[in-house]
Amino acid sequence: MLKSIGPVLLEGASVRLEPLSIEHAQGLYNRGQTREDWAFLPRPSFVDLADTRQWIHDALATPGQVPFAIVESAKGRPVGSTRYLNIRPEHRSLEIGWTWLGSEWQRTAINTQTKLLLLSHAFEQLGCLRVEFKTDARNERSQRALERLGAQREGVLRNHMLVQDSHMRDSMYFSIIVAEWPEIKQQLQKLAKPRQCATAQRP
């Protein structure tokens, strides 16, 4: 069985993962309005602040999920979100997903640090044997990023989900297992160095 899992603060070199709350709504709305950033997520980008608050409410109300705000430590501002989901305590397994970042923070060390924090907590504190990821089969950039992290491609679930505009999505699955974690952790620590972070200017 997994150890008890619930809201927790995770801190890295230049990012911290805070338990998602309504206080993050304005910052997430500021960075979550770009349609392209949400193209492969189950729903489209935020349309207004009320929509953002409803999304947060829904995330917090969904059983079996632990959502986080991704906060840029230097300026204390939310720049995206992620969560644990599909938690299976009896199999010591969970998924990392629903991850999105504002455009200025994509392809920086913020994303790598976020994955390092989540994976470290999952394997070293919670006692996971497996952590999985899934992505839209059309999302080649996400697939390349997961392979760069060291995750293994497992296969496709066809007609897996109805997403935006009732698109029937195929989902590509990846995973990391506990035996692979020490080597992957070393690689992530190299990739996650703060000097790789871009300096964002949006207030």
C-alpha atoms as a PDB file:
ATOM      1  CA  MET A   1       0.000   0.000   0.000  1.00  0.00           C
ATOM      2  CA  LEU A   2       1.046   3.581  -0.630  1.00  0.00           C
ATOM      3  CA  LYS A   3       1.654   5.815   2.323  1.00  0.00           C
ATOM      4  CA  SER A   4      -1.110   8.336   2.987  1.00  0.00           C
ATOM      5  CA  ILE A   5      -1.286  10.837   0.136  1.00  0.00           C
ATOM      6  CA  GLY A   6      -2.786  14.290   0.412  1.00  0.00           C
ATOM      7  CA  PRO A   7      -2.003  17.988  -0.048  1.00  0.00           C
ATOM      8  CA  VAL A   8       1.695  18.654   0.447  1.00  0.00           C
ATOM      9  CA  LEU A   9       4.147  21.483  -0.294  1.00  0.00           C
ATOM     10  CA  LEU A  10       7.108  20.442  -2.458  1.00  0.00           C
ATOM     11  CA  GLU A  11      10.014  22.861  -2.929  1.00  0.00           C
ATOM     12  CA  GLY A  12      12.841  22.873  -5.461  1.00  0.00           C
ATOM     13  CA  ALA A  13      15.592  25.212  -6.564  1.00  0.00           C
ATOM     14  CA  SER A  14      13.396  27.706  -8.412  1.00  0.00           C
ATOM     15  CA  VAL A  15       9.901  26.239  -8.220  1.00  0.00           C
ATOM     16  CA  ARG A  16       7.546  25.105  -5.508  1.00  0.00           C
ATOM     17  CA  LEU A  17       4.426  23.016  -5.817  1.00  0.00           C
ATOM     18  CA  GLU A  18       1.709  24.365  -3.551  1.00  0.00           C
ATOM     19  CA  PRO A  19      -1.572  22.582  -2.836  1.00  0.00           C
ATOM     20  CA  LEU A  20      -3.982  24.107  -5.354  1.00  0.00           C
ATOM     21  CA  SER A  21      -6.383  26.640  -3.850  1.00  0.00           C
ATOM     22  CA  ILE A  22      -8.748  29.386  -4.932  1.00  0.00           C
ATOM     23  CA  GLU A  23      -6.013  31.913  -4.048  1.00  0.00           C
ATOM     24  CA  HIS A  24      -4.142  30.773  -7.149  1.00  0.00           C
ATOM     25  CA  ALA A  25      -7.035  31.649  -9.473  1.00  0.00           C
ATOM     26  CA  GLN A  26      -5.905  35.085 -10.657  1.00  0.00           C
ATOM     27  CA  GLY A  27      -2.331  34.016 -11.354  1.00  0.00           C
ATOM     28  CA  LEU A  28      -3.435  30.883 -13.189  1.00  0.00           C
ATOM     29  CA  TYR A  29      -5.961  32.833 -15.226  1.00  0.00           C
ATOM     30  CA  ASN A  30      -3.233  35.327 -16.218  1.00  0.00           C
ATOM     31  CA  ARG A  31      -1.163  32.478 -17.655  1.00  0.00           C
ATOM     32  CA  GLY A  32      -3.853  30.069 -18.805  1.00  0.00           C
ATOM     33  CA  GLN A  33      -5.567  31.990 -21.610  1.00  0.00           C
ATOM     34  CA  THR A  34      -3.465  30.794 -24.573  1.00  0.00           C
ATOM     35  CA  ARG A  35      -5.485  28.288 -26.590  1.00  0.00           C
ATOM     36  CA  GLU A  36      -2.440  26.546 -28.031  1.00  0.00           C
ATOM     37  CA  ASP A  37      -1.166  25.648 -24.550  1.00  0.00           C
ATOM     38  CA  TRP A  38      -4.350  23.630 -23.904  1.00  0.00           C
ATOM     39  CA  ALA A  39      -4.690  22.035 -27.345  1.00  0.00           C
ATOM     40  CA  PHE A  40      -4.145  18.483 -26.069  1.00  0.00           C
ATOM     41  CA  LEU A  41      -5.746  18.784 -22.630  1.00  0.00           C
ATOM     42  CA  PRO A  42      -9.278  17.531 -21.906  1.00  0.00           C
ATOM     43  CA  ARG A  43     -10.680  21.074 -21.897  1.00  0.00           C
ATOM     44  CA  PRO A  44      -9.768  24.395 -23.573  1.00  0.00           C
ATOM     45  CA  SER A  45      -8.033  27.395 -22.037  1.00  0.00           C
ATOM     46  CA  PHE A  46      -9.623  29.636 -19.406  1.00  0.00           C
ATOM     47  CA  VAL A  47     -12.176  32.125 -20.697  1.00  0.00           C
ATOM     48  CA  ASP A  48     -12.426  34.313 -17.592  1.00  0.00           C
ATOM     49  CA  LEU A  49     -11.650  34.380 -13.879  1.00  0.00           C
ATOM     50  CA  ALA A  50     -14.923  32.663 -12.964  1.00  0.00           C
ATOM     51  CA  ASP A  51     -14.053  29.808 -15.320  1.00  0.00           C
ATOM     52  CA  THR A  52     -10.643  29.481 -13.647  1.00  0.00           C
ATOM     53  CA  ARG A  53     -12.227  29.357 -10.197  1.00  0.00           C
ATOM     54  CA  GLN A  54     -14.647  26.671 -11.364  1.00  0.00           C
ATOM     55  CA  TRP A  55     -11.756  24.629 -12.775  1.00  0.00           C
ATOM     56  CA  ILE A  56      -9.985  24.852  -9.410  1.00  0.00           C
ATOM     57  CA  HIS A  57     -13.180  23.868  -7.589  1.00  0.00           C
ATOM     58  CA  ASP A  58     -13.631  20.857  -9.884  1.00  0.00           C
ATOM     59  CA  ALA A  59      -9.996  19.788  -9.438  1.00  0.00           C
ATOM     60  CA  LEU A  60     -10.304  19.917  -5.653  1.00  0.00           C
ATOM     61  CA  ALA A  61     -13.627  18.081  -5.679  1.00  0.00           C
ATOM     62  CA  THR A  62     -12.475  15.179  -7.882  1.00  0.00           C
ATOM     63  CA  PRO A  63     -11.832  12.062  -5.780  1.00  0.00           C
ATOM     64  CA  GLY A  64      -8.455  10.377  -6.079  1.00  0.00           C
ATOM     65  CA  GLN A  65      -6.567  13.455  -7.254  1.00  0.00           C
ATOM     66  CA  VAL A  66      -4.013  15.726  -5.568  1.00  0.00           C
ATOM     67  CA  PRO A  67      -3.713  18.994  -7.555  1.00  0.00           C
ATOM     68  CA  PHE A  68      -0.874  21.512  -7.275  1.00  0.00           C
ATOM     69  CA  ALA A  69      -0.170  25.052  -8.420  1.00  0.00           C
ATOM     70  CA  ILE A  70       3.285  25.396  -9.983  1.00  0.00           C
ATOM     71  CA  VAL A  71       4.752  28.547  -8.431  1.00  0.00           C
ATOM     72  CA  GLU A  72       7.867  30.387  -9.605  1.00  0.00           C
ATOM     73  CA  SER A  73       9.764  30.767  -6.339  1.00  0.00           C
ATOM     74  CA  ALA A  74      11.632  33.979  -7.106  1.00  0.00           C
ATOM     75  CA  LYS A  75       8.490  36.035  -7.684  1.00  0.00           C
ATOM     76  CA  GLY A  76       5.933  33.901  -5.882  1.00  0.00           C
ATOM     77  CA  ARG A  77       3.557  33.746  -8.830  1.00  0.00           C
ATOM     78  CA  PRO A  78       1.633  30.736 -10.176  1.00  0.00           C
ATOM     79  CA  VAL A  79       2.783  29.763 -13.669  1.00  0.00           C
ATOM     80  CA  GLY A  80       0.853  26.519 -14.203  1.00  0.00           C
ATOM     81  CA  SER A  81      -0.607  23.449 -12.577  1.00  0.00           C
ATOM     82  CA  THR A  82      -0.128  19.683 -12.276  1.00  0.00           C
ATOM     83  CA  ARG A  83      -1.540  16.857 -10.204  1.00  0.00           C
ATOM     84  CA  TYR A  84      -1.330  13.288  -9.020  1.00  0.00           C
ATOM     85  CA  LEU A  85      -4.275  11.240 -10.292  1.00  0.00           C
ATOM     86  CA  ASN A  86      -5.359   7.649 -10.902  1.00  0.00           C
ATOM     87  CA  ILE A  87      -3.939   6.831  -7.483  1.00  0.00           C
ATOM     88  CA  ARG A  88      -4.007   3.078  -6.804  1.00  0.00           C
ATOM     89  CA  PRO A  89      -2.802   2.574  -3.225  1.00  0.00           C
ATOM     90  CA  GLU A  90      -3.174  -1.206  -3.344  1.00  0.00           C
ATOM     91  CA  HIS A  91      -0.798  -1.383  -6.335  1.00  0.00           C
ATOM     92  CA  ARG A  92       1.536   1.421  -5.144  1.00  0.00           C
ATOM     93  CA  SER A  93       0.965   3.285  -8.388  1.00  0.00           C
ATOM     94  CA  LEU A  94      -0.175   6.722  -9.524  1.00  0.00           C
ATOM     95  CA  GLU A  95      -0.202   8.996 -12.543  1.00  0.00           C
ATOM     96  CA  ILE A  96       1.297  12.461 -13.007  1.00  0.00           C
ATOM     97  CA  GLY A  97      -0.869  14.485 -15.343  1.00  0.00           C
ATOM     98  CA  TRP A  98      -3.002  17.553 -16.072  1.00  0.00           C
ATOM     99  CA  THR A  99       0.295  19.432 -16.354  1.00  0.00           C
ATOM    100  CA  TRP A 100       0.322  22.803 -18.100  1.00  0.00           C
ATOM    101  CA  LEU A 101       2.589  25.847 -17.959  1.00  0.00           C
ATOM    102  CA  GLY A 102       2.228  29.395 -19.203  1.00  0.00           C
ATOM    103  CA  SER A 103       3.958  29.934 -22.535  1.00  0.00           C
ATOM    104  CA  GLU A 104       6.958  31.790 -21.094  1.00  0.00           C
ATOM    105  CA  TRP A 105       7.850  28.925 -18.777  1.00  0.00           C
ATOM    106  CA  GLN A 106       7.612  26.094 -21.298  1.00  0.00           C
ATOM    107  CA  ARG A 107      10.862  24.425 -22.373  1.00  0.00           C
ATOM    108  CA  THR A 108      12.612  25.763 -19.267  1.00  0.00           C
ATOM    109  CA  ALA A 109      13.928  23.958 -16.193  1.00  0.00           C
ATOM    110  CA  ILE A 110      10.651  24.772 -14.405  1.00  0.00           C
ATOM    111  CA  ASN A 111       8.958  21.784 -16.037  1.00  0.00           C
ATOM    112  CA  THR A 112      11.902  19.480 -15.303  1.00  0.00           C
ATOM    113  CA  GLN A 113      12.064  20.628 -11.675  1.00  0.00           C
ATOM    114  CA  THR A 114       8.333  20.020 -11.353  1.00  0.00           C
ATOM    115  CA  LYS A 115       8.702  16.438 -12.578  1.00  0.00           C
ATOM    116  CA  LEU A 116      11.722  15.906 -10.317  1.00  0.00           C
ATOM    117  CA  LEU A 117       9.762  17.048  -7.258  1.00  0.00           C
ATOM    118  CA  LEU A 118       6.717  14.924  -8.090  1.00  0.00           C
ATOM    119  CA  LEU A 119       8.705  11.809  -8.930  1.00  0.00           C
ATOM    120  CA  SER A 120      10.989  12.133  -5.892  1.00  0.00           C
ATOM    121  CA  HIS A 121       7.993  12.448  -3.592  1.00  0.00           C
ATOM    122  CA  ALA A 122       6.201   9.536  -5.285  1.00  0.00           C
ATOM    123  CA  PHE A 123       9.080   7.069  -5.164  1.00  0.00           C
ATOM    124  CA  GLU A 124      10.926   8.172  -2.020  1.00  0.00           C
ATOM    125  CA  GLN A 125       8.154   9.345   0.306  1.00  0.00           C
ATOM    126  CA  LEU A 126       4.991   7.615  -0.854  1.00  0.00           C
ATOM    127  CA  GLY A 127       6.611   4.298  -1.761  1.00  0.00           C
ATOM    128  CA  CYS A 128       5.454   4.036  -5.378  1.00  0.00           C
ATOM    129  CA  LEU A 129       6.524   1.109  -7.517  1.00  0.00           C
ATOM    130  CA  ARG A 130       5.242   2.716 -10.721  1.00  0.00           C
ATOM    131  CA  VAL A 131       4.477   6.232 -11.933  1.00  0.00           C
ATOM    132  CA  GLU A 132       2.665   6.620 -15.224  1.00  0.00           C
ATOM    133  CA  PHE A 133       1.957   9.388 -17.702  1.00  0.00           C
ATOM    134  CA  LYS A 134      -0.474   9.587 -20.600  1.00  0.00           C
ATOM    135  CA  THR A 135      -0.627  12.064 -23.437  1.00  0.00           C
ATOM    136  CA  ASP A 136      -2.680  12.655 -26.550  1.00  0.00           C
ATOM    137  CA  ALA A 137      -1.224  10.506 -29.329  1.00  0.00           C
ATOM    138  CA  ARG A 138      -1.118  13.664 -31.494  1.00  0.00           C
ATOM    139  CA  ASN A 139       1.090  15.468 -28.972  1.00  0.00           C
ATOM    140  CA  GLU A 140       4.538  14.562 -30.232  1.00  0.00           C
ATOM    141  CA  ARG A 141       6.256  17.316 -28.245  1.00  0.00           C
ATOM    142  CA  SER A 142       4.955  15.901 -24.969  1.00  0.00           C
ATOM    143  CA  GLN A 143       6.032  12.408 -25.980  1.00  0.00           C
ATOM    144  CA  ARG A 144       9.556  13.596 -26.745  1.00  0.00           C
ATOM    145  CA  ALA A 145       9.678  15.391 -23.394  1.00  0.00           C
ATOM    146  CA  LEU A 146       8.631  12.244 -21.513  1.00  0.00           C
ATOM    147  CA  GLU A 147      11.259  10.192 -23.311  1.00  0.00           C
ATOM    148  CA  ARG A 148      13.824  12.855 -22.423  1.00  0.00           C
ATOM    149  CA  LEU A 149      12.881  12.396 -18.767  1.00  0.00           C
ATOM    150  CA  GLY A 150      13.601   8.683 -19.118  1.00  0.00           C
ATOM    151  CA  ALA A 151      10.011   7.404 -19.160  1.00  0.00           C
ATOM    152  CA  GLN A 152       9.373   4.239 -21.182  1.00  0.00           C
ATOM    153  CA  ARG A 153       6.776   4.251 -23.950  1.00  0.00           C
ATOM    154  CA  GLU A 154       4.266   1.452 -23.304  1.00  0.00           C
ATOM    155  CA  GLY A 155       1.579   1.719 -25.959  1.00  0.00           C
ATOM    156  CA  VAL A 156      -1.652   3.329 -27.096  1.00  0.00           C
ATOM    157  CA  LEU A 157      -5.178   3.090 -25.702  1.00  0.00           C
ATOM    158  CA  ARG A 158      -7.366   3.662 -28.755  1.00  0.00           C
ATOM    159  CA  ASN A 159     -10.531   5.784 -28.541  1.00  0.00           C
ATOM    160  CA  HIS A 160      -9.598   6.359 -24.935  1.00  0.00           C
ATOM    161  CA  MET A 161     -11.180   9.732 -24.125  1.00  0.00           C
ATOM    162  CA  LEU A 162     -13.648  12.244 -25.506  1.00  0.00           C
ATOM    163  CA  VAL A 163     -11.931  15.608 -25.227  1.00  0.00           C
ATOM    164  CA  GLN A 164     -12.390  19.089 -26.684  1.00  0.00           C
ATOM    165  CA  ASP A 165     -15.117  19.357 -29.332  1.00  0.00           C
ATOM    166  CA  SER A 166     -15.907  15.672 -28.742  1.00  0.00           C
ATOM    167  CA  HIS A 167     -12.619  14.557 -30.303  1.00  0.00           C
ATOM    168  CA  MET A 168     -12.090  10.819 -29.742  1.00  0.00           C
ATOM    169  CA  ARG A 169      -8.568  10.810 -28.368  1.00  0.00           C
ATOM    170  CA  ASP A 170      -6.037   7.980 -28.497  1.00  0.00           C
ATOM    171  CA  SER A 171      -3.802   8.099 -25.409  1.00  0.00           C
ATOM    172  CA  MET A 172      -0.111   7.201 -25.428  1.00  0.00           C
ATOM    173  CA  TYR A 173       1.078   5.717 -22.115  1.00  0.00           C
ATOM    174  CA  PHE A 174       4.531   6.048 -20.560  1.00  0.00           C
ATOM    175  CA  SER A 175       5.879   4.895 -17.207  1.00  0.00           C
ATOM    176  CA  ILE A 176       8.812   4.929 -14.818  1.00  0.00           C
ATOM    177  CA  ILE A 177       9.255   2.051 -12.378  1.00  0.00           C
ATOM    178  CA  VAL A 178      11.114   2.084  -9.095  1.00  0.00           C
ATOM    179  CA  ALA A 179      14.123   0.124 -10.396  1.00  0.00           C
ATOM    180  CA  GLU A 180      14.726   2.855 -13.006  1.00  0.00           C
ATOM    181  CA  TRP A 181      14.325   5.760 -10.624  1.00  0.00           C
ATOM    182  CA  PRO A 182      17.922   6.190  -9.283  1.00  0.00           C
ATOM    183  CA  GLU A 183      19.410   6.610 -12.757  1.00  0.00           C
ATOM    184  CA  ILE A 184      16.543   8.813 -13.957  1.00  0.00           C
ATOM    185  CA  LYS A 185      16.832  10.989 -10.852  1.00  0.00           C
ATOM    186  CA  GLN A 186      20.494  11.709 -11.603  1.00  0.00           C
ATOM    187  CA  GLN A 187      19.618  12.737 -15.135  1.00  0.00           C
ATOM    188  CA  LEU A 188      16.741  14.950 -13.988  1.00  0.00           C
ATOM    189  CA  GLN A 189      18.948  16.679 -11.445  1.00  0.00           C
ATOM    190  CA  LYS A 190      21.326  17.651 -14.260  1.00  0.00           C
ATOM    191  CA  LEU A 191      18.501  18.862 -16.499  1.00  0.00           C
ATOM    192  CA  ALA A 192      16.769  20.778 -13.685  1.00  0.00           C
ATOM    193  CA  LYS A 193      19.570  23.225 -12.916  1.00  0.00           C
ATOM    194  CA  PRO A 194      18.095  26.735 -12.452  1.00  0.00           C
ATOM    195  CA  ARG A 195      20.428  28.297 -15.016  1.00  0.00           C
ATOM    196  CA  GLN A 196      18.307  26.668 -17.714  1.00  0.00           C
ATOM    197  CA  CYS A 197      15.257  28.685 -16.681  1.00  0.00           C
ATOM    198  CA  ALA A 198      14.191  31.539 -18.913  1.00  0.00           C
ATOM    199  CA  THR A 199      13.529  34.861 -17.214  1.00  0.00           C
ATOM    200  CA  ALA A 200       9.856  35.641 -17.633  1.00  0.00           C
ATOM    201  CA  GLN A 201       8.682  39.243 -17.722  1.00  0.00           C
ATOM    202  CA  ARG A 202       4.911  39.014 -17.443  1.00  0.00           C
ATOM    203  CA  PRO A 203       3.686  40.601 -14.151  1.00  0.00           C
END
